[in-house]
């Protein structure tokens, strides 16, 4: 009986280690810098973006419209209501921790320019093929009813 239990335990440990290694490997494929390719029409034509994953499980993401207006007063804190609205509507940034489980990117958002996401955890179905990363955002920061956005990134060179 002890031999069967030992074999079962050894098999479980081997399977768990292999599964953990596969998950770690899929997370490792994300490590590095990514450049935005497509995010739909929410951020206008030719949006700009950067997504960085590090090996310790941290990430930082920024997406902006390419046509954000400059502030006439040359001060971020003295923007007009119109300037501030254009920037809020035309950008998103957040950072925190990430992990990959079952082809799902889990972003644990510590802080965001959309404060409603602060402290939340978001699951995003993920595919990585060669130097392309894709995921879907079920509830975009633009709010419910705006549709699920597919975001496409390419590995930065």
N, C-alpha and C. Protein backbone atom coordinates (compact mmCIF):
# COMPACT_ATOMS: atom_id res chain seq x y z
N UNK A 1 0.81 -1.20 0.00
CA UNK A 1 0.00 0.00 0.00
C UNK A 1 0.86 1.27 0.00
N UNK A 2 1.92 1.26 0.79
CA UNK A 2 2.80 2.43 0.83
C UNK A 2 3.43 2.69 -0.52
N UNK A 3 3.75 1.61 -1.27
CA UNK A 3 4.37 1.78 -2.58
C UNK A 3 3.41 2.45 -3.55
N UNK A 4 2.14 2.07 -3.54
CA UNK A 4 1.13 2.67 -4.41
C UNK A 4 0.96 4.14 -4.08
N UNK A 5 0.91 4.45 -2.80
CA UNK A 5 0.76 5.83 -2.38
C UNK A 5 1.98 6.65 -2.80
N UNK A 6 3.15 6.10 -2.64
CA UNK A 6 4.38 6.80 -3.04
C UNK A 6 4.41 7.03 -4.54
N UNK A 7 4.00 6.02 -5.32
CA UNK A 7 3.94 6.18 -6.78
C UNK A 7 2.92 7.24 -7.18
N UNK A 8 1.77 7.20 -6.53
CA UNK A 8 0.73 8.19 -6.84
C UNK A 8 1.22 9.60 -6.51
N UNK A 9 1.87 9.74 -5.38
CA UNK A 9 2.40 11.04 -4.97
C UNK A 9 3.48 11.51 -5.95
N UNK A 10 4.38 10.60 -6.33
CA UNK A 10 5.44 10.95 -7.28
C UNK A 10 4.84 11.36 -8.62
N UNK A 11 3.81 10.66 -9.07
CA UNK A 11 3.15 11.02 -10.34
C UNK A 11 2.50 12.39 -10.24
N UNK A 12 1.83 12.65 -9.11
CA UNK A 12 1.17 13.95 -8.92
C UNK A 12 2.20 15.07 -8.91
N UNK A 13 3.30 14.86 -8.20
CA UNK A 13 4.35 15.88 -8.13
C UNK A 13 4.94 16.12 -9.52
N UNK A 14 5.19 15.07 -10.28
CA UNK A 14 5.73 15.22 -11.64
C UNK A 14 4.76 15.98 -12.53
N UNK A 15 3.46 15.62 -12.45
CA UNK A 15 2.45 16.30 -13.27
C UNK A 15 2.34 17.77 -12.88
N UNK A 16 2.31 18.03 -11.59
CA UNK A 16 2.20 19.41 -11.10
C UNK A 16 3.42 20.22 -11.52
N UNK A 17 4.60 19.65 -11.41
CA UNK A 17 5.82 20.36 -11.82
C UNK A 17 5.80 20.63 -13.31
N UNK A 18 5.37 19.66 -14.11
CA UNK A 18 5.30 19.85 -15.56
C UNK A 18 4.27 20.92 -15.91
N UNK A 19 3.12 20.90 -15.24
CA UNK A 19 2.09 21.91 -15.51
C UNK A 19 2.57 23.29 -15.12
N UNK A 20 3.23 23.36 -13.95
CA UNK A 20 3.78 24.64 -13.51
C UNK A 20 4.83 25.15 -14.47
N UNK A 21 5.66 24.24 -14.99
CA UNK A 21 6.69 24.63 -15.95
C UNK A 21 6.06 25.14 -17.23
N UNK A 22 4.97 24.50 -17.68
CA UNK A 22 4.27 24.95 -18.90
C UNK A 22 3.68 26.33 -18.69
N UNK A 23 3.08 26.56 -17.51
CA UNK A 23 2.52 27.88 -17.24
C UNK A 23 3.63 28.93 -17.16
N UNK A 24 4.72 28.57 -16.51
CA UNK A 24 5.84 29.51 -16.42
C UNK A 24 6.40 29.79 -17.80
N UNK A 25 6.47 28.76 -18.64
CA UNK A 25 6.99 28.94 -19.99
C UNK A 25 6.09 29.88 -20.78
N UNK A 26 4.75 29.72 -20.67
CA UNK A 26 3.86 30.61 -21.43
C UNK A 26 3.98 32.05 -20.93
N UNK A 27 4.18 32.24 -19.63
CA UNK A 27 4.39 33.59 -19.12
C UNK A 27 5.73 34.14 -19.62
N UNK A 28 6.74 33.26 -19.73
CA UNK A 28 8.06 33.71 -20.21
C UNK A 28 7.98 34.22 -21.65
N UNK A 29 7.07 33.67 -22.44
CA UNK A 29 6.96 34.14 -23.84
C UNK A 29 6.49 35.59 -23.90
N UNK A 30 5.89 36.08 -22.83
CA UNK A 30 5.43 37.47 -22.81
C UNK A 30 6.52 38.45 -22.41
N UNK A 31 7.53 37.99 -21.70
CA UNK A 31 8.55 38.88 -21.15
C UNK A 31 9.20 39.70 -22.26
N UNK A 32 9.23 41.00 -22.03
CA UNK A 32 9.83 41.92 -22.98
C UNK A 32 8.89 43.08 -23.28
N UNK A 33 9.24 43.83 -24.30
CA UNK A 33 8.48 45.01 -24.70
C UNK A 33 7.65 44.71 -25.94
N UNK A 34 6.43 45.23 -25.97
CA UNK A 34 5.49 45.04 -27.07
C UNK A 34 5.00 46.39 -27.55
N UNK A 35 4.77 46.52 -28.86
CA UNK A 35 4.28 47.75 -29.47
C UNK A 35 2.87 47.51 -30.01
N UNK A 36 2.00 48.46 -29.79
CA UNK A 36 0.60 48.33 -30.21
C UNK A 36 0.48 48.26 -31.73
N UNK A 37 -0.33 47.32 -32.20
CA UNK A 37 -0.64 47.19 -33.62
C UNK A 37 -2.08 47.64 -33.88
N UNK A 38 -3.02 47.14 -33.06
CA UNK A 38 -4.45 47.44 -33.28
C UNK A 38 -5.21 47.37 -31.97
N UNK A 39 -6.15 48.30 -31.81
CA UNK A 39 -7.01 48.31 -30.63
C UNK A 39 -8.43 48.71 -31.03
N UNK A 40 -8.77 48.51 -32.31
CA UNK A 40 -10.09 48.94 -32.78
C UNK A 40 -10.09 50.43 -33.02
N UNK A 41 -11.28 51.02 -33.01
CA UNK A 41 -11.38 52.44 -33.35
C UNK A 41 -11.50 53.37 -32.15
N UNK A 42 -11.39 52.81 -30.95
CA UNK A 42 -11.57 53.62 -29.74
C UNK A 42 -10.53 54.73 -29.61
N UNK A 43 -9.32 54.47 -30.08
CA UNK A 43 -8.23 55.44 -29.94
C UNK A 43 -7.85 56.09 -31.26
N UNK A 44 -8.79 56.15 -32.20
CA UNK A 44 -8.56 56.82 -33.47
C UNK A 44 -7.63 56.08 -34.39
N UNK A 45 -7.21 56.79 -35.45
CA UNK A 45 -6.29 56.19 -36.42
C UNK A 45 -4.87 56.21 -35.87
N UNK A 46 -4.13 55.15 -36.13
CA UNK A 46 -2.73 55.03 -35.74
C UNK A 46 -2.45 55.28 -34.26
N UNK A 47 -3.20 54.60 -33.36
CA UNK A 47 -2.91 54.79 -31.94
C UNK A 47 -1.51 54.30 -31.59
N UNK A 48 -0.98 54.79 -30.52
CA UNK A 48 0.35 54.43 -30.05
C UNK A 48 0.20 53.66 -28.74
N UNK A 49 1.09 52.70 -28.53
CA UNK A 49 1.00 51.96 -27.28
C UNK A 49 2.24 51.17 -26.98
N UNK A 50 2.45 50.93 -25.70
CA UNK A 50 3.57 50.14 -25.22
C UNK A 50 3.09 49.25 -24.08
N UNK A 51 3.52 48.00 -24.12
CA UNK A 51 3.19 47.03 -23.07
C UNK A 51 4.48 46.32 -22.72
N UNK A 52 4.81 46.32 -21.44
CA UNK A 52 6.06 45.71 -21.00
C UNK A 52 5.75 44.70 -19.89
N UNK A 53 6.25 43.47 -20.09
CA UNK A 53 6.15 42.42 -19.09
C UNK A 53 7.57 42.12 -18.60
N UNK A 54 7.76 42.05 -17.28
CA UNK A 54 9.09 41.64 -16.82
C UNK A 54 9.03 40.21 -16.27
N UNK A 55 10.18 39.64 -16.04
CA UNK A 55 10.28 38.24 -15.63
C UNK A 55 9.79 38.00 -14.21
N UNK A 56 9.65 39.06 -13.42
CA UNK A 56 9.19 38.88 -12.03
C UNK A 56 7.67 38.93 -11.91
N UNK A 57 6.96 39.12 -13.04
CA UNK A 57 5.50 39.13 -12.99
C UNK A 57 4.87 40.50 -12.93
N UNK A 58 5.60 41.54 -13.29
CA UNK A 58 5.05 42.90 -13.31
C UNK A 58 4.86 43.34 -14.75
N UNK A 59 3.90 44.26 -14.96
CA UNK A 59 3.65 44.79 -16.30
C UNK A 59 3.31 46.27 -16.21
N UNK A 60 3.44 46.95 -17.34
CA UNK A 60 3.02 48.35 -17.48
C UNK A 60 2.48 48.52 -18.90
N UNK A 61 1.34 49.19 -19.03
CA UNK A 61 0.67 49.37 -20.32
C UNK A 61 0.25 50.81 -20.49
N UNK A 62 0.47 51.34 -21.69
CA UNK A 62 -0.01 52.68 -22.05
C UNK A 62 -0.49 52.66 -23.49
N UNK A 63 -1.68 53.21 -23.73
CA UNK A 63 -2.22 53.38 -25.08
C UNK A 63 -2.71 54.81 -25.19
N UNK A 64 -2.36 55.49 -26.30
CA UNK A 64 -2.83 56.86 -26.54
C UNK A 64 -3.24 57.03 -28.00
N UNK A 65 -4.13 57.97 -28.20
CA UNK A 65 -4.43 58.41 -29.57
C UNK A 65 -3.18 59.08 -30.11
N UNK A 66 -2.98 58.99 -31.41
CA UNK A 66 -1.82 59.66 -32.00
C UNK A 66 -2.07 61.15 -32.21
N UNK A 67 -3.35 61.55 -32.13
CA UNK A 67 -3.71 62.94 -32.40
C UNK A 67 -4.15 63.71 -31.15
N UNK A 68 -3.60 63.34 -29.98
CA UNK A 68 -3.96 64.09 -28.77
C UNK A 68 -3.54 65.55 -28.93
N UNK A 69 -4.42 66.47 -28.52
CA UNK A 69 -4.06 67.89 -28.67
C UNK A 69 -3.01 68.31 -27.65
N UNK A 70 -2.17 69.23 -28.06
CA UNK A 70 -1.22 69.81 -27.11
C UNK A 70 -1.97 70.81 -26.24
N UNK A 71 -1.50 70.98 -25.02
CA UNK A 71 -2.14 71.93 -24.10
C UNK A 71 -1.64 73.34 -24.42
N UNK A 72 -2.58 74.24 -24.66
CA UNK A 72 -2.23 75.60 -25.05
C UNK A 72 -1.38 76.29 -23.99
N UNK A 73 -1.66 76.03 -22.70
CA UNK A 73 -0.92 76.67 -21.62
C UNK A 73 0.39 75.98 -21.29
N UNK A 74 0.74 74.93 -22.04
CA UNK A 74 1.99 74.19 -21.85
C UNK A 74 2.16 73.68 -20.42
N UNK A 75 1.01 73.34 -19.77
CA UNK A 75 1.03 72.81 -18.41
C UNK A 75 -0.02 71.72 -18.29
N UNK A 76 0.40 70.53 -17.92
CA UNK A 76 -0.52 69.42 -17.75
C UNK A 76 -1.55 69.70 -16.66
N UNK A 77 -1.16 70.40 -15.62
CA UNK A 77 -2.08 70.64 -14.50
C UNK A 77 -2.97 71.87 -14.71
N UNK A 78 -2.74 72.61 -15.79
CA UNK A 78 -3.57 73.80 -16.07
C UNK A 78 -4.32 73.64 -17.38
N UNK A 79 -4.61 72.38 -17.76
CA UNK A 79 -5.34 72.15 -18.99
C UNK A 79 -6.77 72.65 -18.92
N UNK A 80 -7.30 73.02 -20.06
CA UNK A 80 -8.71 73.44 -20.12
C UNK A 80 -9.58 72.19 -19.99
N UNK A 81 -10.86 72.36 -19.66
CA UNK A 81 -11.76 71.20 -19.61
C UNK A 81 -11.76 70.41 -20.92
N UNK A 82 -11.70 71.09 -22.04
CA UNK A 82 -11.69 70.42 -23.34
C UNK A 82 -10.41 69.62 -23.55
N UNK A 83 -9.27 70.21 -23.17
CA UNK A 83 -7.98 69.51 -23.30
C UNK A 83 -7.95 68.27 -22.40
N UNK A 84 -8.39 68.44 -21.16
CA UNK A 84 -8.42 67.32 -20.22
C UNK A 84 -9.34 66.21 -20.70
N UNK A 85 -10.49 66.56 -21.22
CA UNK A 85 -11.43 65.56 -21.73
C UNK A 85 -10.83 64.78 -22.90
N UNK A 86 -10.15 65.48 -23.79
CA UNK A 86 -9.53 64.83 -24.95
C UNK A 86 -8.48 63.81 -24.50
N UNK A 87 -7.70 64.16 -23.49
CA UNK A 87 -6.66 63.25 -23.01
C UNK A 87 -7.28 62.06 -22.29
N UNK A 88 -8.27 62.28 -21.45
CA UNK A 88 -8.92 61.17 -20.75
C UNK A 88 -9.61 60.23 -21.75
N UNK A 89 -10.30 60.79 -22.72
CA UNK A 89 -10.98 59.95 -23.72
C UNK A 89 -10.00 59.27 -24.66
N UNK A 90 -8.80 59.81 -24.81
CA UNK A 90 -7.87 59.29 -25.79
C UNK A 90 -6.68 58.54 -25.23
N UNK A 91 -6.77 58.09 -23.97
CA UNK A 91 -5.63 57.36 -23.42
C UNK A 91 -6.07 56.43 -22.29
N UNK A 92 -5.25 55.42 -22.08
CA UNK A 92 -5.41 54.52 -20.93
C UNK A 92 -4.02 54.06 -20.52
N UNK A 93 -3.81 53.96 -19.25
CA UNK A 93 -2.54 53.47 -18.74
C UNK A 93 -2.82 52.71 -17.45
N UNK A 94 -2.16 51.59 -17.26
CA UNK A 94 -2.25 50.88 -15.99
C UNK A 94 -1.04 49.99 -15.81
N UNK A 95 -0.81 49.60 -14.55
CA UNK A 95 0.32 48.74 -14.23
C UNK A 95 -0.05 47.86 -13.06
N UNK A 96 0.73 46.81 -12.89
CA UNK A 96 0.49 45.90 -11.77
C UNK A 96 1.23 44.60 -11.97
N UNK A 97 0.58 43.51 -11.56
CA UNK A 97 1.15 42.17 -11.68
C UNK A 97 0.36 41.39 -12.72
N UNK A 98 1.01 40.38 -13.29
CA UNK A 98 0.33 39.54 -14.27
C UNK A 98 0.71 38.09 -14.08
N UNK A 99 -0.14 37.21 -14.59
CA UNK A 99 0.17 35.80 -14.68
C UNK A 99 -0.60 35.23 -15.86
N UNK A 100 -0.21 34.05 -16.28
CA UNK A 100 -0.88 33.37 -17.38
C UNK A 100 -1.36 32.02 -16.87
N UNK A 101 -2.66 31.75 -17.08
CA UNK A 101 -3.25 30.46 -16.71
C UNK A 101 -4.20 30.04 -17.82
N UNK A 102 -4.04 28.82 -18.30
CA UNK A 102 -4.96 28.26 -19.29
C UNK A 102 -5.24 29.22 -20.44
N UNK A 103 -4.20 29.73 -21.07
CA UNK A 103 -4.32 30.64 -22.21
C UNK A 103 -5.10 31.91 -21.86
N UNK A 104 -5.00 32.31 -20.61
CA UNK A 104 -5.66 33.53 -20.14
C UNK A 104 -4.62 34.41 -19.46
N UNK A 105 -4.56 35.66 -19.89
CA UNK A 105 -3.72 36.65 -19.25
C UNK A 105 -4.52 37.25 -18.10
N UNK A 106 -3.97 37.19 -16.92
CA UNK A 106 -4.63 37.77 -15.75
C UNK A 106 -3.83 38.99 -15.33
N UNK A 107 -4.46 40.15 -15.44
CA UNK A 107 -3.82 41.41 -15.06
C UNK A 107 -4.40 41.85 -13.73
N UNK A 108 -3.54 41.95 -12.73
CA UNK A 108 -3.94 42.42 -11.41
C UNK A 108 -3.54 43.88 -11.34
N UNK A 109 -4.50 44.73 -11.62
CA UNK A 109 -4.24 46.16 -11.80
C UNK A 109 -4.08 46.85 -10.45
N UNK A 110 -2.90 47.41 -10.24
CA UNK A 110 -2.63 48.16 -9.02
C UNK A 110 -3.14 49.59 -9.15
N UNK A 111 -2.87 50.21 -10.30
CA UNK A 111 -3.29 51.59 -10.51
C UNK A 111 -3.49 51.83 -12.00
N UNK A 112 -4.49 52.68 -12.30
CA UNK A 112 -4.85 52.96 -13.68
C UNK A 112 -5.30 54.41 -13.83
N UNK A 113 -5.17 54.94 -15.04
CA UNK A 113 -5.73 56.27 -15.31
C UNK A 113 -7.25 56.19 -15.37
N UNK A 114 -7.81 54.99 -15.40
CA UNK A 114 -9.24 54.76 -15.22
C UNK A 114 -9.39 54.17 -13.81
N UNK A 115 -9.61 55.02 -12.79
CA UNK A 115 -9.55 54.59 -11.39
C UNK A 115 -10.51 53.44 -11.04
N UNK A 116 -11.55 53.24 -11.81
CA UNK A 116 -12.49 52.15 -11.53
C UNK A 116 -11.79 50.79 -11.63
N UNK A 117 -10.68 50.73 -12.35
CA UNK A 117 -9.93 49.48 -12.49
C UNK A 117 -8.93 49.27 -11.36
N UNK A 118 -8.65 50.28 -10.54
CA UNK A 118 -7.67 50.14 -9.47
C UNK A 118 -8.04 48.99 -8.54
N UNK A 119 -7.09 48.11 -8.28
CA UNK A 119 -7.32 47.00 -7.37
C UNK A 119 -8.13 45.85 -7.96
N UNK A 120 -8.42 45.88 -9.26
CA UNK A 120 -9.19 44.80 -9.87
C UNK A 120 -8.27 43.78 -10.53
N UNK A 121 -8.84 42.64 -10.82
CA UNK A 121 -8.13 41.59 -11.55
C UNK A 121 -8.95 41.30 -12.81
N UNK A 122 -8.30 41.36 -13.96
CA UNK A 122 -9.00 41.15 -15.23
C UNK A 122 -8.42 39.96 -15.96
N UNK A 123 -9.32 39.10 -16.44
CA UNK A 123 -8.91 37.95 -17.23
C UNK A 123 -9.14 38.25 -18.69
N UNK A 124 -8.12 38.01 -19.50
CA UNK A 124 -8.19 38.31 -20.93
C UNK A 124 -7.72 37.10 -21.72
N UNK A 125 -8.63 36.49 -22.53
CA UNK A 125 -8.21 35.36 -23.37
C UNK A 125 -7.02 35.79 -24.24
N UNK A 126 -6.00 34.93 -24.29
CA UNK A 126 -4.71 35.30 -24.83
C UNK A 126 -4.25 34.32 -25.89
N UNK A 127 -3.66 34.84 -26.96
CA UNK A 127 -2.93 34.01 -27.91
C UNK A 127 -1.60 34.69 -28.22
N UNK A 128 -0.56 33.89 -28.30
CA UNK A 128 0.76 34.38 -28.67
C UNK A 128 1.25 33.49 -29.79
N UNK A 129 1.57 34.09 -30.92
CA UNK A 129 2.10 33.36 -32.07
C UNK A 129 3.29 34.14 -32.61
N UNK A 130 4.45 33.51 -32.57
CA UNK A 130 5.69 34.16 -32.99
C UNK A 130 5.86 35.47 -32.25
N UNK A 131 5.85 36.58 -32.98
CA UNK A 131 6.05 37.89 -32.35
C UNK A 131 4.77 38.69 -32.25
N UNK A 132 3.61 37.99 -32.18
CA UNK A 132 2.33 38.67 -32.07
C UNK A 132 1.58 38.19 -30.84
N UNK A 133 1.04 39.14 -30.10
CA UNK A 133 0.27 38.90 -28.89
C UNK A 133 -1.12 39.48 -29.10
N UNK A 134 -2.16 38.68 -28.80
CA UNK A 134 -3.55 39.14 -28.93
C UNK A 134 -4.30 38.79 -27.65
N UNK A 135 -5.17 39.71 -27.22
CA UNK A 135 -6.09 39.39 -26.14
C UNK A 135 -7.35 40.21 -26.32
N UNK A 136 -8.41 39.79 -25.62
CA UNK A 136 -9.68 40.50 -25.68
C UNK A 136 -9.99 41.10 -24.32
N UNK A 137 -10.50 42.32 -24.36
CA UNK A 137 -10.91 43.02 -23.14
C UNK A 137 -12.44 42.94 -23.10
N UNK A 138 -12.97 42.15 -22.17
CA UNK A 138 -14.41 41.90 -22.11
C UNK A 138 -15.20 43.17 -21.83
N UNK A 139 -14.73 43.97 -20.88
CA UNK A 139 -15.42 45.22 -20.54
C UNK A 139 -14.41 46.37 -20.65
N UNK A 140 -14.34 47.00 -21.81
CA UNK A 140 -13.38 48.10 -22.01
C UNK A 140 -13.64 49.27 -21.06
N UNK A 141 -12.64 50.09 -20.87
CA UNK A 141 -12.77 51.25 -19.99
C UNK A 141 -13.78 52.26 -20.53
N UNK A 142 -14.13 52.15 -21.81
CA UNK A 142 -15.16 53.03 -22.37
C UNK A 142 -16.54 52.66 -21.86
N UNK A 143 -16.66 51.52 -21.18
CA UNK A 143 -17.90 51.15 -20.53
C UNK A 143 -18.64 50.01 -21.21
N UNK A 144 -19.65 49.48 -20.49
CA UNK A 144 -20.46 48.38 -21.03
C UNK A 144 -21.15 48.80 -22.33
N UNK A 145 -21.30 47.83 -23.19
CA UNK A 145 -21.98 48.11 -24.45
C UNK A 145 -21.07 48.62 -25.55
N UNK A 146 -19.79 48.83 -25.24
CA UNK A 146 -18.86 49.30 -26.27
C UNK A 146 -18.22 48.13 -27.00
N UNK A 147 -18.59 46.91 -26.60
CA UNK A 147 -18.09 45.72 -27.29
C UNK A 147 -16.76 45.25 -26.73
N UNK A 148 -16.48 43.99 -27.00
CA UNK A 148 -15.20 43.42 -26.57
C UNK A 148 -14.12 43.84 -27.55
N UNK A 149 -13.11 44.51 -27.07
CA UNK A 149 -12.00 44.96 -27.91
C UNK A 149 -10.93 43.90 -27.99
N UNK A 150 -10.50 43.58 -29.20
CA UNK A 150 -9.32 42.75 -29.36
C UNK A 150 -8.13 43.69 -29.51
N UNK A 151 -7.12 43.44 -28.72
CA UNK A 151 -5.92 44.26 -28.75
C UNK A 151 -4.79 43.41 -29.31
N UNK A 152 -4.06 43.97 -30.28
CA UNK A 152 -2.98 43.24 -30.94
C UNK A 152 -1.68 44.01 -30.73
N UNK A 153 -0.64 43.26 -30.32
CA UNK A 153 0.68 43.82 -30.07
C UNK A 153 1.71 43.04 -30.88
N UNK A 154 2.81 43.69 -31.22
CA UNK A 154 3.94 42.98 -31.82
C UNK A 154 5.15 43.19 -30.93
N UNK A 155 6.02 42.17 -30.90
CA UNK A 155 7.21 42.28 -30.06
C UNK A 155 8.07 43.43 -30.58
N UNK A 156 8.48 44.30 -29.67
CA UNK A 156 9.33 45.43 -30.03
C UNK A 156 10.71 44.93 -30.38
N UNK A 157 11.31 45.55 -31.36
CA UNK A 157 12.65 45.14 -31.80
C UNK A 157 13.69 46.08 -31.25
